[in-house]
């Protein structure tokens, strides 16, 4: 998504800060915490949705509670940098539900993936699917030993 360079004021930042912590908060509670009318808060939120600042509201799930406690970062190098190759590879990667993040990188690594899997054996199953999806020069995996910081909150500034 291209930056839309929307100007945020202090009230917008306050709303976004609260919503990033709890998107299920009632409009009444949001109004109390921001000292603005519920109608004003609602209009500001709708505007930020319309211009693409707020893209969706979701529930965050603890993967460990579902037995999906292994986080794997996969660095991929390829010698094919054509649009057609990327289109095919991206389509294949998007079809793998264990891939929760997917980036095209600068530097020595061409693509970086973040996976959530149940075990190393489960990762091996996904790895085999991944290497069948496209011609890859190098696939390097790193397993997270501990999550020290995790947030979905975007840093906000006026």
C-alpha atoms as a PDB file:
ATOM      1  CA  UNK A   1       0.000   0.000   0.000  1.00  0.00           C
ATOM      2  CA  UNK A   2       1.318   3.403  -0.925  1.00  0.00           C
ATOM      3  CA  UNK A   3       1.596   5.955   1.870  1.00  0.00           C
ATOM      4  CA  UNK A   4      -1.373   8.275   1.829  1.00  0.00           C
ATOM      5  CA  UNK A   5       0.383  10.952   3.892  1.00  0.00           C
ATOM      6  CA  UNK A   6      -2.719  11.583   5.944  1.00  0.00           C
ATOM      7  CA  UNK A   7      -2.261  14.184   8.649  1.00  0.00           C
ATOM      8  CA  UNK A   8      -3.169  12.909  12.076  1.00  0.00           C
ATOM      9  CA  UNK A   9      -4.024  15.207  14.914  1.00  0.00           C
ATOM     10  CA  UNK A  10      -3.755  14.485  18.616  1.00  0.00           C
ATOM     11  CA  UNK A  11      -7.322  13.129  18.783  1.00  0.00           C
ATOM     12  CA  UNK A  12      -6.675  10.689  15.906  1.00  0.00           C
ATOM     13  CA  UNK A  13      -3.494   9.451  17.586  1.00  0.00           C
ATOM     14  CA  UNK A  14      -5.389   8.931  20.855  1.00  0.00           C
ATOM     15  CA  UNK A  15      -8.120   6.958  19.071  1.00  0.00           C
ATOM     16  CA  UNK A  16      -5.595   4.815  17.209  1.00  0.00           C
ATOM     17  CA  UNK A  17      -3.594   4.155  20.377  1.00  0.00           C
ATOM     18  CA  UNK A  18      -6.683   2.883  22.155  1.00  0.00           C
ATOM     19  CA  UNK A  19      -7.919   0.838  19.185  1.00  0.00           C
ATOM     20  CA  UNK A  20      -4.509  -0.811  18.753  1.00  0.00           C
ATOM     21  CA  UNK A  21      -4.806  -2.094  22.317  1.00  0.00           C
ATOM     22  CA  UNK A  22      -8.485  -3.143  22.090  1.00  0.00           C
ATOM     23  CA  UNK A  23     -10.401  -2.876  18.816  1.00  0.00           C
ATOM     24  CA  UNK A  24     -13.505  -4.333  20.498  1.00  0.00           C
ATOM     25  CA  UNK A  25     -13.854  -1.376  22.875  1.00  0.00           C
ATOM     26  CA  UNK A  26     -17.351   0.092  22.970  1.00  0.00           C
ATOM     27  CA  UNK A  27     -17.966   3.471  21.384  1.00  0.00           C
ATOM     28  CA  UNK A  28     -19.199   4.682  24.771  1.00  0.00           C
ATOM     29  CA  UNK A  29     -15.920   3.702  26.490  1.00  0.00           C
ATOM     30  CA  UNK A  30     -13.883   5.149  23.628  1.00  0.00           C
ATOM     31  CA  UNK A  31     -15.784   8.401  24.001  1.00  0.00           C
ATOM     32  CA  UNK A  32     -15.020   8.515  27.736  1.00  0.00           C
ATOM     33  CA  UNK A  33     -11.306   7.810  27.255  1.00  0.00           C
ATOM     34  CA  UNK A  34     -10.867  10.416  24.528  1.00  0.00           C
ATOM     35  CA  UNK A  35     -13.154  13.118  25.943  1.00  0.00           C
ATOM     36  CA  UNK A  36     -14.985  13.416  22.623  1.00  0.00           C
ATOM     37  CA  UNK A  37     -18.563  12.594  21.737  1.00  0.00           C
ATOM     38  CA  UNK A  38     -19.312   9.078  20.552  1.00  0.00           C
ATOM     39  CA  UNK A  39     -20.477  10.524  17.223  1.00  0.00           C
ATOM     40  CA  UNK A  40     -17.204  12.433  16.742  1.00  0.00           C
ATOM     41  CA  UNK A  41     -15.137   9.353  17.613  1.00  0.00           C
ATOM     42  CA  UNK A  42     -17.184   7.224  15.214  1.00  0.00           C
ATOM     43  CA  UNK A  43     -16.794   9.766  12.363  1.00  0.00           C
ATOM     44  CA  UNK A  44     -13.019   9.967  12.905  1.00  0.00           C
ATOM     45  CA  UNK A  45     -12.707   6.162  12.909  1.00  0.00           C
ATOM     46  CA  UNK A  46     -14.811   5.870   9.731  1.00  0.00           C
ATOM     47  CA  UNK A  47     -12.648   8.525   8.019  1.00  0.00           C
ATOM     48  CA  UNK A  48      -9.468   6.649   8.979  1.00  0.00           C
ATOM     49  CA  UNK A  49     -10.981   3.441   7.574  1.00  0.00           C
ATOM     50  CA  UNK A  50     -11.969   5.165   4.329  1.00  0.00           C
ATOM     51  CA  UNK A  51      -8.484   6.585   3.728  1.00  0.00           C
ATOM     52  CA  UNK A  52      -6.750   3.291   4.577  1.00  0.00           C
ATOM     53  CA  UNK A  53      -5.170   4.166   7.917  1.00  0.00           C
ATOM     54  CA  UNK A  54      -7.297   1.521   9.657  1.00  0.00           C
ATOM     55  CA  UNK A  55      -7.256  -1.494   7.354  1.00  0.00           C
ATOM     56  CA  UNK A  56      -9.057  -4.091   9.492  1.00  0.00           C
ATOM     57  CA  UNK A  57      -9.995  -5.048  13.019  1.00  0.00           C
ATOM     58  CA  UNK A  58      -9.011  -8.533  14.155  1.00  0.00           C
ATOM     59  CA  UNK A  59      -8.705 -10.821  17.169  1.00  0.00           C
ATOM     60  CA  UNK A  60      -5.136 -11.745  18.077  1.00  0.00           C
ATOM     61  CA  UNK A  61      -4.771 -15.433  18.871  1.00  0.00           C
ATOM     62  CA  UNK A  62      -2.106 -17.065  21.024  1.00  0.00           C
ATOM     63  CA  UNK A  63      -0.555 -19.680  18.687  1.00  0.00           C
ATOM     64  CA  UNK A  64       0.877 -21.664  21.610  1.00  0.00           C
ATOM     65  CA  UNK A  65      -2.636 -22.142  23.007  1.00  0.00           C
ATOM     66  CA  UNK A  66      -3.450 -23.923  19.729  1.00  0.00           C
ATOM     67  CA  UNK A  67      -0.292 -26.045  19.708  1.00  0.00           C
ATOM     68  CA  UNK A  68       1.432 -23.899  17.086  1.00  0.00           C
ATOM     69  CA  UNK A  69       4.328 -22.718  19.237  1.00  0.00           C
ATOM     70  CA  UNK A  70       7.296 -22.837  16.871  1.00  0.00           C
ATOM     71  CA  UNK A  71       8.226 -19.642  15.013  1.00  0.00           C
ATOM     72  CA  UNK A  72      10.532 -20.087  12.027  1.00  0.00           C
ATOM     73  CA  UNK A  73      12.190 -17.370   9.969  1.00  0.00           C
ATOM     74  CA  UNK A  74      13.090 -18.547   6.475  1.00  0.00           C
ATOM     75  CA  UNK A  75      15.597 -16.603   4.355  1.00  0.00           C
ATOM     76  CA  UNK A  76      15.390 -17.373   0.640  1.00  0.00           C
ATOM     77  CA  UNK A  77      17.799 -16.596  -2.176  1.00  0.00           C
ATOM     78  CA  UNK A  78      16.997 -17.056  -5.840  1.00  0.00           C
ATOM     79  CA  UNK A  79      18.799 -16.393  -9.108  1.00  0.00           C
ATOM     80  CA  UNK A  80      15.557 -15.629 -10.957  1.00  0.00           C
ATOM     81  CA  UNK A  81      14.342 -12.089 -10.301  1.00  0.00           C
ATOM     82  CA  UNK A  82      11.756 -11.906 -13.066  1.00  0.00           C
ATOM     83  CA  UNK A  83       8.225 -10.664 -12.490  1.00  0.00           C
ATOM     84  CA  UNK A  84       6.815 -13.998 -13.675  1.00  0.00           C
ATOM     85  CA  UNK A  85       8.935 -15.944 -11.163  1.00  0.00           C
ATOM     86  CA  UNK A  86       7.878 -13.672  -8.304  1.00  0.00           C
ATOM     87  CA  UNK A  87       4.227 -13.856  -9.285  1.00  0.00           C
ATOM     88  CA  UNK A  88       4.324 -17.681  -9.275  1.00  0.00           C
ATOM     89  CA  UNK A  89       6.344 -17.870  -6.058  1.00  0.00           C
ATOM     90  CA  UNK A  90       4.127 -15.339  -4.265  1.00  0.00           C
ATOM     91  CA  UNK A  91       1.010 -17.249  -5.305  1.00  0.00           C
ATOM     92  CA  UNK A  92       2.482 -20.482  -3.929  1.00  0.00           C
ATOM     93  CA  UNK A  93       3.608 -18.860  -0.671  1.00  0.00           C
ATOM     94  CA  UNK A  94       0.233 -17.174  -0.118  1.00  0.00           C
ATOM     95  CA  UNK A  95      -1.376 -20.631  -0.376  1.00  0.00           C
ATOM     96  CA  UNK A  96       0.671 -21.944   2.587  1.00  0.00           C
ATOM     97  CA  UNK A  97      -1.282 -21.007   5.741  1.00  0.00           C
ATOM     98  CA  UNK A  98       1.738 -21.503   8.014  1.00  0.00           C
ATOM     99  CA  UNK A  99       3.434 -18.528   6.324  1.00  0.00           C
ATOM    100  CA  UNK A 100       2.131 -15.565   8.327  1.00  0.00           C
ATOM    101  CA  UNK A 101       4.504 -12.898   6.960  1.00  0.00           C
ATOM    102  CA  UNK A 102       6.277 -12.627   3.596  1.00  0.00           C
ATOM    103  CA  UNK A 103       8.714  -9.877   2.558  1.00  0.00           C
ATOM    104  CA  UNK A 104      10.863  -9.033  -0.457  1.00  0.00           C
ATOM    105  CA  UNK A 105      14.175  -7.857   0.963  1.00  0.00           C
ATOM    106  CA  UNK A 106      17.213  -5.818   0.043  1.00  0.00           C
ATOM    107  CA  UNK A 107      20.685  -7.166   0.731  1.00  0.00           C
ATOM    108  CA  UNK A 108      21.845 -10.771   0.513  1.00  0.00           C
ATOM    109  CA  UNK A 109      18.459 -12.340   1.276  1.00  0.00           C
ATOM    110  CA  UNK A 110      15.863 -12.007  -1.476  1.00  0.00           C
ATOM    111  CA  UNK A 111      12.783 -13.035   0.528  1.00  0.00           C
ATOM    112  CA  UNK A 112      12.066 -13.467   4.214  1.00  0.00           C
ATOM    113  CA  UNK A 113       9.188 -15.532   5.530  1.00  0.00           C
ATOM    114  CA  UNK A 114       7.845 -15.940   9.041  1.00  0.00           C
ATOM    115  CA  UNK A 115       6.113 -19.229   9.720  1.00  0.00           C
ATOM    116  CA  UNK A 116       4.125 -20.551  12.662  1.00  0.00           C
ATOM    117  CA  UNK A 117       4.260 -24.352  12.953  1.00  0.00           C
ATOM    118  CA  UNK A 118       3.567 -27.032  15.547  1.00  0.00           C
ATOM    119  CA  UNK A 119       7.000 -28.681  15.485  1.00  0.00           C
ATOM    120  CA  UNK A 120      10.221 -29.115  13.560  1.00  0.00           C
ATOM    121  CA  UNK A 121       8.584 -32.051  11.763  1.00  0.00           C
ATOM    122  CA  UNK A 122       5.687 -29.810  10.839  1.00  0.00           C
ATOM    123  CA  UNK A 123       8.176 -27.241   9.518  1.00  0.00           C
ATOM    124  CA  UNK A 124       9.822 -29.961   7.410  1.00  0.00           C
ATOM    125  CA  UNK A 125       6.451 -30.670   5.772  1.00  0.00           C
ATOM    126  CA  UNK A 126       6.037 -26.956   4.956  1.00  0.00           C
ATOM    127  CA  UNK A 127       9.690 -26.706   3.825  1.00  0.00           C
ATOM    128  CA  UNK A 128       9.140 -29.502   1.285  1.00  0.00           C
ATOM    129  CA  UNK A 129       6.071 -27.714  -0.046  1.00  0.00           C
ATOM    130  CA  UNK A 130       8.044 -24.476  -0.261  1.00  0.00           C
ATOM    131  CA  UNK A 131      10.999 -25.916  -2.189  1.00  0.00           C
ATOM    132  CA  UNK A 132       8.636 -27.592  -4.675  1.00  0.00           C
ATOM    133  CA  UNK A 133       6.952 -24.253  -5.351  1.00  0.00           C
ATOM    134  CA  UNK A 134       9.808 -22.552  -7.245  1.00  0.00           C
ATOM    135  CA  UNK A 135      13.480 -22.745  -8.187  1.00  0.00           C
ATOM    136  CA  UNK A 136      15.371 -21.515  -5.116  1.00  0.00           C
ATOM    137  CA  UNK A 137      19.144 -21.149  -4.729  1.00  0.00           C
ATOM    138  CA  UNK A 138      19.251 -21.209  -0.941  1.00  0.00           C
ATOM    139  CA  UNK A 139      16.778 -21.713   1.863  1.00  0.00           C
ATOM    140  CA  UNK A 140      18.039 -20.962   5.361  1.00  0.00           C
ATOM    141  CA  UNK A 141      15.853 -21.472   8.425  1.00  0.00           C
ATOM    142  CA  UNK A 142      16.194 -20.039  11.914  1.00  0.00           C
ATOM    143  CA  UNK A 143      14.011 -21.127  14.812  1.00  0.00           C
ATOM    144  CA  UNK A 144      13.013 -18.526  17.402  1.00  0.00           C
ATOM    145  CA  UNK A 145      14.051 -19.663  20.866  1.00  0.00           C
ATOM    146  CA  UNK A 146      12.089 -17.000  22.746  1.00  0.00           C
ATOM    147  CA  UNK A 147       9.791 -14.113  21.902  1.00  0.00           C
ATOM    148  CA  UNK A 148      11.199 -11.084  23.693  1.00  0.00           C
ATOM    149  CA  UNK A 149       8.916  -8.490  22.130  1.00  0.00           C
ATOM    150  CA  UNK A 150       5.851  -8.931  19.983  1.00  0.00           C
ATOM    151  CA  UNK A 151       3.385  -6.211  19.082  1.00  0.00           C
ATOM    152  CA  UNK A 152       1.043  -5.424  16.268  1.00  0.00           C
ATOM    153  CA  UNK A 153       0.869  -1.770  17.325  1.00  0.00           C
ATOM    154  CA  UNK A 154       2.221   0.776  14.834  1.00  0.00           C
ATOM    155  CA  UNK A 155       4.297   3.563  16.433  1.00  0.00           C
ATOM    156  CA  UNK A 156       2.194   6.723  16.324  1.00  0.00           C
ATOM    157  CA  UNK A 157       3.397  10.295  16.043  1.00  0.00           C
ATOM    158  CA  UNK A 158       1.685  13.574  15.286  1.00  0.00           C
END
